[in-house]
């Protein structure tokens, strides 16, 4: 069955499976972070309990999706070295700092804001709790950084020497990050994240309404 499958094909298959599994969770959590911000804003403006109930419902799902994205992302990051060691050696000076920034924001900044989201409503107050919304903006910033990593392969801008052998060096990080394909890829991924969240939340709406009606029905 696997005759003719060399190490390169197996490495590609493994990385494709890991990436396909991982991308679902960041895409969903990026859109869901914005959706949670909208729900909380509507609750603060209108004081209707339905919005805070929806917020609390989706908050638990957001926490699970965020955690799954972090765990699967760690596996994916390791596979850069295990599956593509020569590639990682050559492009490490470029991809390394960008991935390090994404890890710092995801593991520390976003995790801190997630803790405020989960446990801080009664501790910090509703209005200050709403201002923890940088979690949503950080998710978009992460997306932009990871887009820059992917664009490095297709629109290599800011490189010091294209013909030199050895590790890739950058002389202009702004050109490397905001390369010509950056706006298109960023808009594409943000729209994909919002569409993913919209479809999941719309499909879940009948079940949420049914569960809410049952819980509020008189005994």
N, C-alpha and C. Protein backbone atom coordinates (compact mmCIF):
# COMPACT_ATOMS: atom_id res chain seq x y z
N UNK A 1 0.83 -1.22 0.00
CA UNK A 1 0.00 0.00 0.00
C UNK A 1 0.85 1.26 0.00
N UNK A 2 1.95 1.20 0.76
CA UNK A 2 2.81 2.38 0.89
C UNK A 2 4.08 2.25 0.04
N UNK A 3 4.05 1.39 -0.96
CA UNK A 3 5.21 1.28 -1.83
C UNK A 3 5.39 2.57 -2.62
N UNK A 4 6.61 3.02 -2.67
CA UNK A 4 6.89 4.25 -3.38
C UNK A 4 6.77 5.49 -2.51
N UNK A 5 6.37 5.32 -1.27
CA UNK A 5 6.27 6.46 -0.34
C UNK A 5 7.64 6.65 0.31
N UNK A 6 8.34 7.67 -0.11
CA UNK A 6 9.64 7.94 0.50
C UNK A 6 9.46 8.85 1.71
N UNK A 7 10.58 9.24 2.33
CA UNK A 7 10.51 10.04 3.56
C UNK A 7 9.87 11.40 3.32
N UNK A 8 10.09 11.97 2.12
CA UNK A 8 9.52 13.29 1.83
C UNK A 8 8.00 13.22 1.77
N UNK A 9 7.47 12.19 1.11
CA UNK A 9 6.02 12.05 1.01
C UNK A 9 5.41 11.82 2.39
N UNK A 10 6.04 10.99 3.19
CA UNK A 10 5.52 10.73 4.53
C UNK A 10 5.58 11.99 5.40
N UNK A 11 6.65 12.76 5.27
CA UNK A 11 6.75 14.00 6.03
C UNK A 11 5.68 14.99 5.61
N UNK A 12 5.42 15.07 4.31
CA UNK A 12 4.37 15.96 3.82
C UNK A 12 3.00 15.51 4.32
N UNK A 13 2.75 14.20 4.29
CA UNK A 13 1.45 13.68 4.74
C UNK A 13 1.25 13.96 6.23
N UNK A 14 2.29 13.73 7.01
CA UNK A 14 2.16 13.99 8.45
C UNK A 14 1.94 15.47 8.74
N UNK A 15 2.70 16.32 8.08
CA UNK A 15 2.55 17.76 8.31
C UNK A 15 1.19 18.25 7.82
N UNK A 16 0.72 17.72 6.69
CA UNK A 16 -0.59 18.11 6.18
C UNK A 16 -1.70 17.74 7.15
N UNK A 17 -1.60 16.54 7.73
CA UNK A 17 -2.60 16.12 8.72
C UNK A 17 -2.57 17.03 9.95
N UNK A 18 -1.37 17.32 10.44
CA UNK A 18 -1.24 18.18 11.63
C UNK A 18 -1.79 19.57 11.34
N UNK A 19 -1.43 20.12 10.19
CA UNK A 19 -1.88 21.48 9.84
C UNK A 19 -3.39 21.51 9.63
N UNK A 20 -3.93 20.50 8.98
CA UNK A 20 -5.39 20.46 8.74
C UNK A 20 -6.16 20.37 10.05
N UNK A 21 -5.62 19.63 11.00
CA UNK A 21 -6.28 19.52 12.30
C UNK A 21 -6.12 20.82 13.09
N UNK A 22 -4.95 21.43 13.03
CA UNK A 22 -4.66 22.62 13.84
C UNK A 22 -5.45 23.84 13.38
N UNK A 23 -5.54 24.06 12.07
CA UNK A 23 -6.07 25.33 11.57
C UNK A 23 -7.53 25.54 11.92
N UNK A 24 -8.26 24.45 12.17
CA UNK A 24 -9.67 24.58 12.52
C UNK A 24 -9.83 25.38 13.82
N UNK A 25 -8.99 25.15 14.78
CA UNK A 25 -9.14 25.78 16.10
C UNK A 25 -8.74 27.26 16.10
N UNK A 26 -7.61 27.65 15.49
CA UNK A 26 -7.34 29.10 15.42
C UNK A 26 -8.38 29.86 14.61
N UNK A 27 -8.81 29.28 13.48
CA UNK A 27 -9.81 29.97 12.68
C UNK A 27 -11.10 30.18 13.47
N UNK A 28 -11.52 29.16 14.18
CA UNK A 28 -12.75 29.26 14.96
C UNK A 28 -12.60 30.23 16.13
N UNK A 29 -11.46 30.17 16.83
CA UNK A 29 -11.28 31.03 18.01
C UNK A 29 -11.09 32.49 17.63
N UNK A 30 -10.51 32.78 16.46
CA UNK A 30 -10.35 34.17 16.02
C UNK A 30 -11.71 34.82 15.81
N UNK A 31 -12.57 34.13 15.07
CA UNK A 31 -13.91 34.68 14.87
C UNK A 31 -14.73 34.70 16.14
N UNK A 32 -14.56 33.68 16.98
CA UNK A 32 -15.35 33.60 18.20
C UNK A 32 -14.95 34.68 19.20
N UNK A 33 -13.68 35.08 19.21
CA UNK A 33 -13.25 36.16 20.10
C UNK A 33 -13.98 37.47 19.76
N UNK A 34 -14.14 37.74 18.47
CA UNK A 34 -14.87 38.94 18.07
C UNK A 34 -16.36 38.81 18.39
N UNK A 35 -16.90 37.62 18.20
CA UNK A 35 -18.31 37.38 18.51
C UNK A 35 -18.58 37.58 20.00
N UNK A 36 -17.68 37.12 20.84
CA UNK A 36 -17.83 37.30 22.29
C UNK A 36 -17.79 38.78 22.66
N UNK A 37 -16.91 39.53 22.00
CA UNK A 37 -16.84 40.97 22.28
C UNK A 37 -18.16 41.66 21.91
N UNK A 38 -18.76 41.26 20.79
CA UNK A 38 -20.04 41.84 20.38
C UNK A 38 -21.14 41.47 21.36
N UNK A 39 -21.18 40.22 21.80
CA UNK A 39 -22.20 39.80 22.75
C UNK A 39 -22.09 40.56 24.07
N UNK A 40 -20.86 40.73 24.55
CA UNK A 40 -20.70 41.45 25.82
C UNK A 40 -21.05 42.91 25.67
N UNK A 41 -20.71 43.51 24.52
CA UNK A 41 -21.06 44.91 24.29
C UNK A 41 -22.58 45.08 24.24
N UNK A 42 -23.27 44.17 23.58
CA UNK A 42 -24.73 44.24 23.52
C UNK A 42 -25.35 44.08 24.90
N UNK A 43 -24.76 43.22 25.73
CA UNK A 43 -25.26 43.06 27.10
C UNK A 43 -25.08 44.34 27.91
N UNK A 44 -23.92 44.98 27.78
CA UNK A 44 -23.67 46.22 28.52
C UNK A 44 -24.59 47.34 28.06
N UNK A 45 -24.92 47.36 26.78
CA UNK A 45 -25.77 48.44 26.25
C UNK A 45 -27.23 48.21 26.57
N UNK A 46 -27.70 46.97 26.36
CA UNK A 46 -29.14 46.71 26.48
C UNK A 46 -29.54 46.12 27.83
N UNK A 47 -28.58 45.53 28.56
CA UNK A 47 -28.85 44.87 29.83
C UNK A 47 -29.76 43.65 29.70
N UNK A 48 -29.87 43.10 28.51
CA UNK A 48 -30.69 41.91 28.29
C UNK A 48 -29.90 40.66 28.66
N UNK A 49 -30.53 39.80 29.45
CA UNK A 49 -29.84 38.62 29.95
C UNK A 49 -29.48 37.64 28.85
N UNK A 50 -30.21 37.70 27.74
CA UNK A 50 -29.94 36.74 26.69
C UNK A 50 -28.53 36.88 26.15
N UNK A 51 -28.00 38.09 26.13
CA UNK A 51 -26.66 38.30 25.58
C UNK A 51 -25.58 37.76 26.52
N UNK A 52 -25.74 37.97 27.81
CA UNK A 52 -24.74 37.45 28.74
C UNK A 52 -24.83 35.93 28.85
N UNK A 53 -26.04 35.38 28.67
CA UNK A 53 -26.17 33.92 28.66
C UNK A 53 -25.46 33.32 27.45
N UNK A 54 -25.65 33.96 26.29
CA UNK A 54 -24.94 33.50 25.10
C UNK A 54 -23.43 33.66 25.26
N UNK A 55 -23.02 34.77 25.88
CA UNK A 55 -21.59 35.00 26.11
C UNK A 55 -21.00 33.88 26.96
N UNK A 56 -21.66 33.55 28.05
CA UNK A 56 -21.16 32.50 28.94
C UNK A 56 -21.15 31.13 28.25
N UNK A 57 -22.13 30.90 27.39
CA UNK A 57 -22.19 29.62 26.68
C UNK A 57 -20.99 29.48 25.73
N UNK A 58 -20.78 30.50 24.90
CA UNK A 58 -19.71 30.43 23.91
C UNK A 58 -18.33 30.61 24.53
N UNK A 59 -18.26 31.22 25.72
CA UNK A 59 -16.97 31.41 26.37
C UNK A 59 -16.31 30.07 26.71
N UNK A 60 -17.10 29.12 27.16
CA UNK A 60 -16.56 27.80 27.48
C UNK A 60 -16.03 27.12 26.21
N UNK A 61 -16.75 27.25 25.13
CA UNK A 61 -16.31 26.66 23.87
C UNK A 61 -15.06 27.36 23.37
N UNK A 62 -14.98 28.68 23.55
CA UNK A 62 -13.80 29.42 23.15
C UNK A 62 -12.57 28.94 23.92
N UNK A 63 -12.72 28.70 25.21
CA UNK A 63 -11.59 28.24 26.01
C UNK A 63 -11.09 26.88 25.53
N UNK A 64 -12.01 25.97 25.20
CA UNK A 64 -11.61 24.66 24.71
C UNK A 64 -10.91 24.79 23.35
N UNK A 65 -11.48 25.60 22.45
CA UNK A 65 -10.87 25.79 21.13
C UNK A 65 -9.49 26.42 21.24
N UNK A 66 -9.36 27.39 22.15
CA UNK A 66 -8.06 28.03 22.35
C UNK A 66 -7.03 27.02 22.84
N UNK A 67 -7.41 26.21 23.82
CA UNK A 67 -6.50 25.21 24.35
C UNK A 67 -6.10 24.17 23.31
N UNK A 68 -7.06 23.71 22.51
CA UNK A 68 -6.74 22.74 21.46
C UNK A 68 -5.83 23.35 20.40
N UNK A 69 -6.05 24.64 20.10
CA UNK A 69 -5.18 25.30 19.14
C UNK A 69 -3.75 25.41 19.63
N UNK A 70 -3.59 25.70 20.92
CA UNK A 70 -2.24 25.80 21.49
C UNK A 70 -1.54 24.45 21.46
N UNK A 71 -2.23 23.40 21.88
CA UNK A 71 -1.61 22.06 21.95
C UNK A 71 -1.23 21.57 20.56
N UNK A 72 -2.16 21.67 19.61
CA UNK A 72 -1.85 21.20 18.26
C UNK A 72 -0.82 22.10 17.59
N UNK A 73 -0.78 23.38 17.95
CA UNK A 73 0.23 24.28 17.40
C UNK A 73 1.63 23.93 17.86
N UNK A 74 1.76 23.45 19.09
CA UNK A 74 3.08 23.02 19.58
C UNK A 74 3.60 21.86 18.75
N UNK A 75 2.72 20.89 18.46
CA UNK A 75 3.13 19.75 17.64
C UNK A 75 3.55 20.22 16.26
N UNK A 76 2.79 21.15 15.68
CA UNK A 76 3.11 21.66 14.35
C UNK A 76 4.46 22.38 14.35
N UNK A 77 4.73 23.15 15.39
CA UNK A 77 6.01 23.87 15.47
C UNK A 77 7.18 22.91 15.54
N UNK A 78 7.03 21.84 16.31
CA UNK A 78 8.11 20.86 16.40
C UNK A 78 8.37 20.17 15.07
N UNK A 79 7.31 20.02 14.27
CA UNK A 79 7.49 19.33 13.00
C UNK A 79 8.29 20.15 11.99
N UNK A 80 8.43 21.45 12.20
CA UNK A 80 9.34 22.22 11.36
C UNK A 80 10.75 21.67 11.48
N UNK A 81 11.14 21.27 12.69
CA UNK A 81 12.47 20.73 12.90
C UNK A 81 12.59 19.25 12.62
N UNK A 82 11.57 18.48 12.97
CA UNK A 82 11.65 17.03 12.79
C UNK A 82 11.43 16.62 11.34
N UNK A 83 10.53 17.28 10.63
CA UNK A 83 10.21 16.89 9.25
C UNK A 83 11.01 17.68 8.22
N UNK A 84 11.33 18.92 8.53
CA UNK A 84 11.98 19.80 7.55
C UNK A 84 13.20 20.45 8.19
N UNK A 85 14.14 19.63 8.63
CA UNK A 85 15.28 20.14 9.38
C UNK A 85 16.16 21.06 8.54
N UNK A 86 16.42 20.70 7.28
CA UNK A 86 17.26 21.54 6.42
C UNK A 86 16.57 22.87 6.15
N UNK A 87 15.27 22.82 5.90
CA UNK A 87 14.51 24.05 5.68
C UNK A 87 14.53 24.94 6.92
N UNK A 88 14.33 24.33 8.09
CA UNK A 88 14.34 25.10 9.33
C UNK A 88 15.71 25.71 9.59
N UNK A 89 16.77 24.99 9.22
CA UNK A 89 18.13 25.51 9.41
C UNK A 89 18.37 26.73 8.54
N UNK A 90 17.89 26.72 7.31
CA UNK A 90 18.14 27.83 6.40
C UNK A 90 17.25 29.03 6.71
N UNK A 91 16.02 28.79 7.07
CA UNK A 91 15.06 29.90 7.24
C UNK A 91 14.86 30.28 8.70
N UNK A 92 15.58 29.63 9.62
CA UNK A 92 15.41 29.93 11.04
C UNK A 92 15.57 31.39 11.41
N UNK A 93 16.55 32.12 10.84
CA UNK A 93 16.69 33.54 11.20
C UNK A 93 15.48 34.39 10.86
N UNK A 94 14.61 33.91 9.96
CA UNK A 94 13.40 34.66 9.60
C UNK A 94 12.18 34.10 10.31
N UNK A 95 11.98 32.80 10.18
CA UNK A 95 10.79 32.19 10.75
C UNK A 95 10.87 32.15 12.28
N UNK A 96 12.07 31.96 12.82
CA UNK A 96 12.23 31.84 14.27
C UNK A 96 11.69 33.03 15.04
N UNK A 97 12.13 34.26 14.75
CA UNK A 97 11.60 35.42 15.49
C UNK A 97 10.10 35.61 15.33
N UNK A 98 9.59 35.34 14.14
CA UNK A 98 8.14 35.49 13.93
C UNK A 98 7.36 34.46 14.73
N UNK A 99 7.82 33.22 14.73
CA UNK A 99 7.15 32.20 15.52
C UNK A 99 7.29 32.47 17.01
N UNK A 100 8.44 33.01 17.41
CA UNK A 100 8.63 33.33 18.83
C UNK A 100 7.65 34.41 19.27
N UNK A 101 7.42 35.41 18.42
CA UNK A 101 6.45 36.45 18.76
C UNK A 101 5.05 35.85 18.89
N UNK A 102 4.70 34.96 17.98
CA UNK A 102 3.38 34.35 18.05
C UNK A 102 3.22 33.52 19.33
N UNK A 103 4.27 32.81 19.70
CA UNK A 103 4.22 31.99 20.92
C UNK A 103 4.09 32.88 22.15
N UNK A 104 4.85 33.97 22.20
CA UNK A 104 4.78 34.88 23.35
C UNK A 104 3.39 35.47 23.51
N UNK A 105 2.80 35.92 22.41
CA UNK A 105 1.47 36.52 22.51
C UNK A 105 0.42 35.47 22.84
N UNK A 106 0.52 34.28 22.24
CA UNK A 106 -0.50 33.25 22.47
C UNK A 106 -0.39 32.67 23.87
N UNK A 107 0.83 32.39 24.32
CA UNK A 107 0.99 31.71 25.60
C UNK A 107 0.87 32.65 26.79
N UNK A 108 1.27 33.88 26.64
CA UNK A 108 1.31 34.78 27.78
C UNK A 108 0.22 35.85 27.70
N UNK A 109 0.24 36.67 26.66
CA UNK A 109 -0.71 37.78 26.59
C UNK A 109 -2.14 37.28 26.45
N UNK A 110 -2.37 36.43 25.46
CA UNK A 110 -3.74 35.94 25.24
C UNK A 110 -4.21 35.06 26.39
N UNK A 111 -3.32 34.24 26.93
CA UNK A 111 -3.71 33.39 28.05
C UNK A 111 -4.09 34.23 29.27
N UNK A 112 -3.40 35.34 29.47
CA UNK A 112 -3.77 36.24 30.57
C UNK A 112 -5.14 36.84 30.38
N UNK A 113 -5.41 37.32 29.18
CA UNK A 113 -6.74 37.88 28.90
C UNK A 113 -7.82 36.80 28.96
N UNK A 114 -7.47 35.58 28.55
CA UNK A 114 -8.44 34.49 28.64
C UNK A 114 -8.79 34.21 30.09
N UNK A 115 -7.81 34.29 30.99
CA UNK A 115 -8.09 34.11 32.41
C UNK A 115 -9.05 35.17 32.93
N UNK A 116 -8.87 36.42 32.48
CA UNK A 116 -9.80 37.48 32.87
C UNK A 116 -11.19 37.21 32.32
N UNK A 117 -11.25 36.73 31.08
CA UNK A 117 -12.55 36.42 30.48
C UNK A 117 -13.28 35.34 31.27
N UNK A 118 -12.55 34.31 31.67
CA UNK A 118 -13.19 33.16 32.32
C UNK A 118 -13.57 33.43 33.77
N UNK A 119 -12.72 34.14 34.50
CA UNK A 119 -12.90 34.24 35.95
C UNK A 119 -13.00 35.67 36.47
N UNK A 120 -12.98 36.67 35.57
CA UNK A 120 -12.85 38.03 36.06
C UNK A 120 -14.08 38.89 36.02
N UNK A 121 -15.23 38.36 35.55
CA UNK A 121 -16.40 39.22 35.41
C UNK A 121 -16.85 39.80 36.74
N UNK A 122 -16.92 38.99 37.77
CA UNK A 122 -17.35 39.47 39.08
C UNK A 122 -16.21 40.11 39.86
N UNK A 123 -14.98 39.86 39.46
CA UNK A 123 -13.84 40.38 40.21
C UNK A 123 -13.44 41.78 39.74
N UNK A 124 -13.47 42.01 38.43
CA UNK A 124 -13.03 43.30 37.91
C UNK A 124 -14.18 44.20 37.48
N UNK A 125 -15.39 43.68 37.44
CA UNK A 125 -16.54 44.47 37.02
C UNK A 125 -16.82 44.33 35.54
N UNK A 126 -18.08 44.54 35.14
CA UNK A 126 -18.45 44.31 33.73
C UNK A 126 -17.71 45.19 32.73
N UNK A 127 -17.55 46.48 33.04
CA UNK A 127 -16.94 47.38 32.06
C UNK A 127 -15.45 47.10 31.89
N UNK A 128 -14.75 46.89 32.97
CA UNK A 128 -13.34 46.55 32.86
C UNK A 128 -13.17 45.17 32.24
N UNK A 129 -14.09 44.28 32.51
CA UNK A 129 -14.05 42.96 31.89
C UNK A 129 -14.20 43.06 30.39
N UNK A 130 -15.05 43.99 29.94
CA UNK A 130 -15.23 44.17 28.50
C UNK A 130 -13.96 44.69 27.85
N UNK A 131 -13.18 45.46 28.57
CA UNK A 131 -11.96 46.03 28.01
C UNK A 131 -10.84 45.01 27.88
N UNK A 132 -11.09 43.78 28.32
CA UNK A 132 -10.10 42.74 28.09
C UNK A 132 -10.15 42.29 26.62
N UNK A 133 -10.95 42.98 25.81
CA UNK A 133 -11.10 42.62 24.40
C UNK A 133 -9.79 42.56 23.63
N UNK A 134 -8.66 43.11 24.11
CA UNK A 134 -7.41 42.87 23.39
C UNK A 134 -7.15 41.42 23.06
N UNK A 135 -7.81 40.48 23.76
CA UNK A 135 -7.65 39.08 23.41
C UNK A 135 -8.05 38.84 21.96
N UNK A 136 -9.16 39.50 21.53
CA UNK A 136 -9.57 39.37 20.14
C UNK A 136 -8.59 40.02 19.18
N UNK A 137 -8.08 41.19 19.56
CA UNK A 137 -7.10 41.87 18.69
C UNK A 137 -5.79 41.08 18.63
N UNK A 138 -5.41 40.44 19.73
CA UNK A 138 -4.20 39.64 19.72
C UNK A 138 -4.35 38.43 18.81
N UNK A 139 -5.54 37.86 18.77
CA UNK A 139 -5.75 36.73 17.87
C UNK A 139 -5.55 37.17 16.42
N UNK A 140 -6.01 38.38 16.08
CA UNK A 140 -5.81 38.88 14.72
C UNK A 140 -4.33 39.19 14.48
N UNK A 141 -3.64 39.69 15.49
CA UNK A 141 -2.21 39.95 15.33
C UNK A 141 -1.43 38.66 15.10
N UNK A 142 -1.80 37.61 15.84
CA UNK A 142 -1.18 36.30 15.62
C UNK A 142 -1.39 35.83 14.19
N UNK A 143 -2.60 36.03 13.71
CA UNK A 143 -2.91 35.61 12.35
C UNK A 143 -2.03 36.35 11.35
N UNK A 144 -1.83 37.66 11.58
CA UNK A 144 -0.97 38.43 10.68
C UNK A 144 0.46 37.95 10.69
N UNK A 145 0.97 37.61 11.88
CA UNK A 145 2.35 37.13 11.98
C UNK A 145 2.51 35.79 11.27
N UNK A 146 1.57 34.88 11.49
CA UNK A 146 1.67 33.57 10.85
C UNK A 146 1.47 33.68 9.35
N UNK A 147 0.65 34.62 8.90
CA UNK A 147 0.54 34.87 7.47
C UNK A 147 1.88 35.31 6.89
N UNK A 148 2.60 36.13 7.64
CA UNK A 148 3.92 36.58 7.17
C UNK A 148 4.89 35.41 7.03
N UNK A 149 4.78 34.43 7.94
CA UNK A 149 5.63 33.24 7.83
C UNK A 149 5.32 32.49 6.55
N UNK A 150 4.03 32.32 6.25
CA UNK A 150 3.66 31.62 5.02
C UNK A 150 4.02 32.39 3.77
N UNK A 151 3.91 33.71 3.82
CA UNK A 151 4.22 34.53 2.66
C UNK A 151 5.70 34.51 2.33
N UNK A 152 6.53 34.19 3.31
CA UNK A 152 7.96 34.13 3.09
C UNK A 152 8.31 33.17 1.95
N UNK A 153 7.49 32.12 1.79
CA UNK A 153 7.77 31.12 0.76
C UNK A 153 7.37 31.61 -0.62
N UNK A 154 6.37 32.49 -0.70
CA UNK A 154 5.81 32.88 -1.99
C UNK A 154 6.20 34.29 -2.44
N UNK A 155 6.31 35.21 -1.50
CA UNK A 155 6.62 36.60 -1.84
C UNK A 155 7.77 37.05 -0.97
N UNK A 156 8.95 36.59 -1.31
CA UNK A 156 10.13 36.81 -0.47
C UNK A 156 10.63 38.24 -0.63
N UNK A 157 10.24 39.10 0.31
CA UNK A 157 10.66 40.49 0.27
C UNK A 157 11.58 40.80 1.43
N UNK A 158 12.50 41.73 1.22
CA UNK A 158 13.38 42.17 2.29
C UNK A 158 14.56 41.26 2.54
N UNK A 159 14.80 40.31 1.64
CA UNK A 159 15.92 39.38 1.84
C UNK A 159 17.23 40.06 1.47
N UNK A 160 18.26 39.78 2.26
CA UNK A 160 19.54 40.44 2.04
C UNK A 160 20.22 39.95 0.77
N UNK A 161 20.21 38.65 0.52
CA UNK A 161 20.91 38.10 -0.64
C UNK A 161 20.17 36.86 -1.11
N UNK A 162 19.65 36.89 -2.32
CA UNK A 162 18.88 35.77 -2.82
C UNK A 162 19.77 34.63 -3.32
N UNK A 163 21.00 34.93 -3.73
CA UNK A 163 21.86 33.93 -4.32
C UNK A 163 22.84 33.32 -3.31
N UNK A 164 22.95 33.93 -2.12
CA UNK A 164 23.92 33.45 -1.14
C UNK A 164 23.48 32.12 -0.54
N UNK A 165 24.46 31.25 -0.31
CA UNK A 165 24.18 30.02 0.39
C UNK A 165 24.27 30.25 1.89
N UNK A 166 23.67 29.33 2.64
CA UNK A 166 23.67 29.50 4.09
C UNK A 166 22.34 30.04 4.56
N UNK A 167 22.22 30.31 5.86
CA UNK A 167 20.95 30.80 6.42
C UNK A 167 20.47 32.09 5.77
N UNK A 168 19.16 32.21 5.64
CA UNK A 168 18.56 33.41 5.07
C UNK A 168 18.69 34.56 6.06
N UNK A 169 19.06 35.72 5.56
CA UNK A 169 19.17 36.91 6.40
C UNK A 169 18.23 37.98 5.90
N UNK A 170 17.77 38.82 6.83
CA UNK A 170 16.88 39.92 6.47
C UNK A 170 17.58 41.25 6.71
N UNK A 171 17.39 42.16 5.78
CA UNK A 171 17.88 43.51 6.02
C UNK A 171 16.73 44.50 6.20
N UNK A 172 15.51 44.05 5.97
CA UNK A 172 14.35 44.94 6.14
C UNK A 172 13.18 44.11 6.65
N UNK A 173 12.95 44.14 7.96
CA UNK A 173 11.89 43.32 8.55
C UNK A 173 10.51 43.83 8.18
N UNK A 174 10.35 45.13 7.98
CA UNK A 174 9.04 45.65 7.58
C UNK A 174 8.63 45.10 6.22
N UNK A 175 9.59 45.05 5.28
CA UNK A 175 9.28 44.48 3.98
C UNK A 175 9.04 42.97 4.08
N UNK A 176 9.74 42.34 4.99
CA UNK A 176 9.56 40.90 5.15
C UNK A 176 8.18 40.57 5.70
N UNK A 177 7.71 41.38 6.65
CA UNK A 177 6.40 41.12 7.26
C UNK A 177 5.28 41.62 6.36
N UNK A 178 5.37 42.88 5.94
CA UNK A 178 4.31 43.46 5.11
C UNK A 178 4.71 43.35 3.64
N UNK A 179 4.85 42.12 3.19
CA UNK A 179 5.24 41.91 1.80
C UNK A 179 4.04 42.06 0.88
N UNK A 180 4.22 42.04 -0.43
CA UNK A 180 3.12 42.37 -1.35
C UNK A 180 1.86 41.54 -1.19
N UNK A 181 1.98 40.28 -0.77
CA UNK A 181 0.78 39.44 -0.65
C UNK A 181 0.13 39.51 0.72
N UNK A 182 0.71 40.29 1.65
CA UNK A 182 0.20 40.34 3.02
C UNK A 182 -1.27 40.77 3.10
N UNK A 183 -1.69 41.89 2.45
CA UNK A 183 -3.10 42.30 2.60
C UNK A 183 -4.09 41.26 2.12
N UNK A 184 -3.79 40.61 1.00
CA UNK A 184 -4.73 39.65 0.43
C UNK A 184 -4.85 38.41 1.31
N UNK A 185 -3.74 37.92 1.76
CA UNK A 185 -3.77 36.71 2.60
C UNK A 185 -4.42 37.00 3.95
N UNK A 186 -4.14 38.17 4.52
CA UNK A 186 -4.73 38.50 5.82
C UNK A 186 -6.25 38.62 5.72
N UNK A 187 -6.73 39.33 4.70
CA UNK A 187 -8.18 39.46 4.50
C UNK A 187 -8.80 38.09 4.26
N UNK A 188 -8.12 37.27 3.47
CA UNK A 188 -8.63 35.92 3.19
C UNK A 188 -8.79 35.11 4.47
N UNK A 189 -7.79 35.13 5.35
CA UNK A 189 -7.85 34.33 6.57
C UNK A 189 -8.84 34.89 7.59
N UNK A 190 -8.92 36.23 7.68
CA UNK A 190 -9.88 36.82 8.61
C UNK A 190 -11.31 36.48 8.18
N UNK A 191 -11.59 36.60 6.88
CA UNK A 191 -12.92 36.23 6.39
C UNK A 191 -13.20 34.74 6.60
N UNK A 192 -12.18 33.90 6.41
CA UNK A 192 -12.37 32.47 6.65
C UNK A 192 -12.69 32.20 8.12
N UNK A 193 -12.01 32.93 9.03
CA UNK A 193 -12.28 32.74 10.45
C UNK A 193 -13.69 33.18 10.80
N UNK A 194 -14.11 34.33 10.27
CA UNK A 194 -15.46 34.82 10.57
C UNK A 194 -16.52 33.90 9.98
N UNK A 195 -16.28 33.39 8.78
CA UNK A 195 -17.25 32.48 8.16
C UNK A 195 -17.35 31.18 8.96
N UNK A 196 -16.21 30.68 9.42
CA UNK A 196 -16.23 29.46 10.23
C UNK A 196 -17.05 29.65 11.49
N UNK A 197 -16.81 30.75 12.20
CA UNK A 197 -17.57 31.02 13.42
C UNK A 197 -19.03 31.24 13.12
N UNK A 198 -19.34 31.94 12.04
CA UNK A 198 -20.73 32.21 11.69
C UNK A 198 -21.49 30.93 11.41
N UNK A 199 -20.88 30.03 10.65
CA UNK A 199 -21.55 28.78 10.31
C UNK A 199 -21.75 27.90 11.53
N UNK A 200 -20.73 27.82 12.39
CA UNK A 200 -20.86 26.98 13.59
C UNK A 200 -21.91 27.54 14.54
N UNK A 201 -21.86 28.86 14.77
CA UNK A 201 -22.82 29.47 15.70
C UNK A 201 -24.24 29.42 15.14
N UNK A 202 -24.40 29.61 13.83
CA UNK A 202 -25.74 29.53 13.24
C UNK A 202 -26.29 28.11 13.32
N UNK A 203 -25.43 27.14 13.09
CA UNK A 203 -25.89 25.74 13.18
C UNK A 203 -26.23 25.37 14.61
N UNK A 204 -25.57 25.98 15.58
CA UNK A 204 -25.82 25.65 16.99
C UNK A 204 -27.00 26.40 17.57
N UNK A 205 -27.48 27.42 16.87
CA UNK A 205 -28.54 28.27 17.42
C UNK A 205 -29.81 27.50 17.79
N UNK A 206 -30.34 26.59 16.93
CA UNK A 206 -31.56 25.87 17.33
C UNK A 206 -31.38 25.07 18.62
N UNK A 207 -30.23 24.42 18.77
CA UNK A 207 -29.99 23.64 19.99
C UNK A 207 -29.88 24.52 21.21
N UNK A 208 -29.25 25.70 21.08
CA UNK A 208 -29.13 26.61 22.21
C UNK A 208 -30.50 27.12 22.63
N UNK A 209 -31.32 27.50 21.65
CA UNK A 209 -32.67 28.00 21.96
C UNK A 209 -33.51 26.92 22.63
N UNK A 210 -33.39 25.69 22.14
CA UNK A 210 -34.16 24.58 22.73
C UNK A 210 -33.72 24.33 24.17
N UNK A 211 -32.41 24.32 24.40
CA UNK A 211 -31.91 24.09 25.76
C UNK A 211 -32.31 25.22 26.69
N UNK A 212 -32.29 26.46 26.18
CA UNK A 212 -32.69 27.60 27.01
C UNK A 212 -34.17 27.54 27.36
N UNK A 213 -34.99 27.16 26.39
CA UNK A 213 -36.43 27.06 26.64
C UNK A 213 -36.74 25.97 27.67
N UNK A 214 -36.03 24.87 27.60
CA UNK A 214 -36.27 23.78 28.56
C UNK A 214 -35.84 24.20 29.96
N UNK A 215 -34.68 24.88 30.05
CA UNK A 215 -34.18 25.27 31.36
C UNK A 215 -35.05 26.34 32.02
N UNK A 216 -35.71 27.15 31.19
CA UNK A 216 -36.54 28.23 31.74
C UNK A 216 -38.00 27.83 31.88
N UNK A 217 -38.35 26.62 31.45
CA UNK A 217 -39.73 26.19 31.55
C UNK A 217 -40.11 25.95 33.01
N UNK A 218 -41.34 26.26 33.39
CA UNK A 218 -41.75 26.04 34.77
C UNK A 218 -41.80 24.56 35.09
N UNK A 219 -41.43 24.23 36.31
CA UNK A 219 -41.40 22.83 36.74
C UNK A 219 -42.82 22.28 36.82
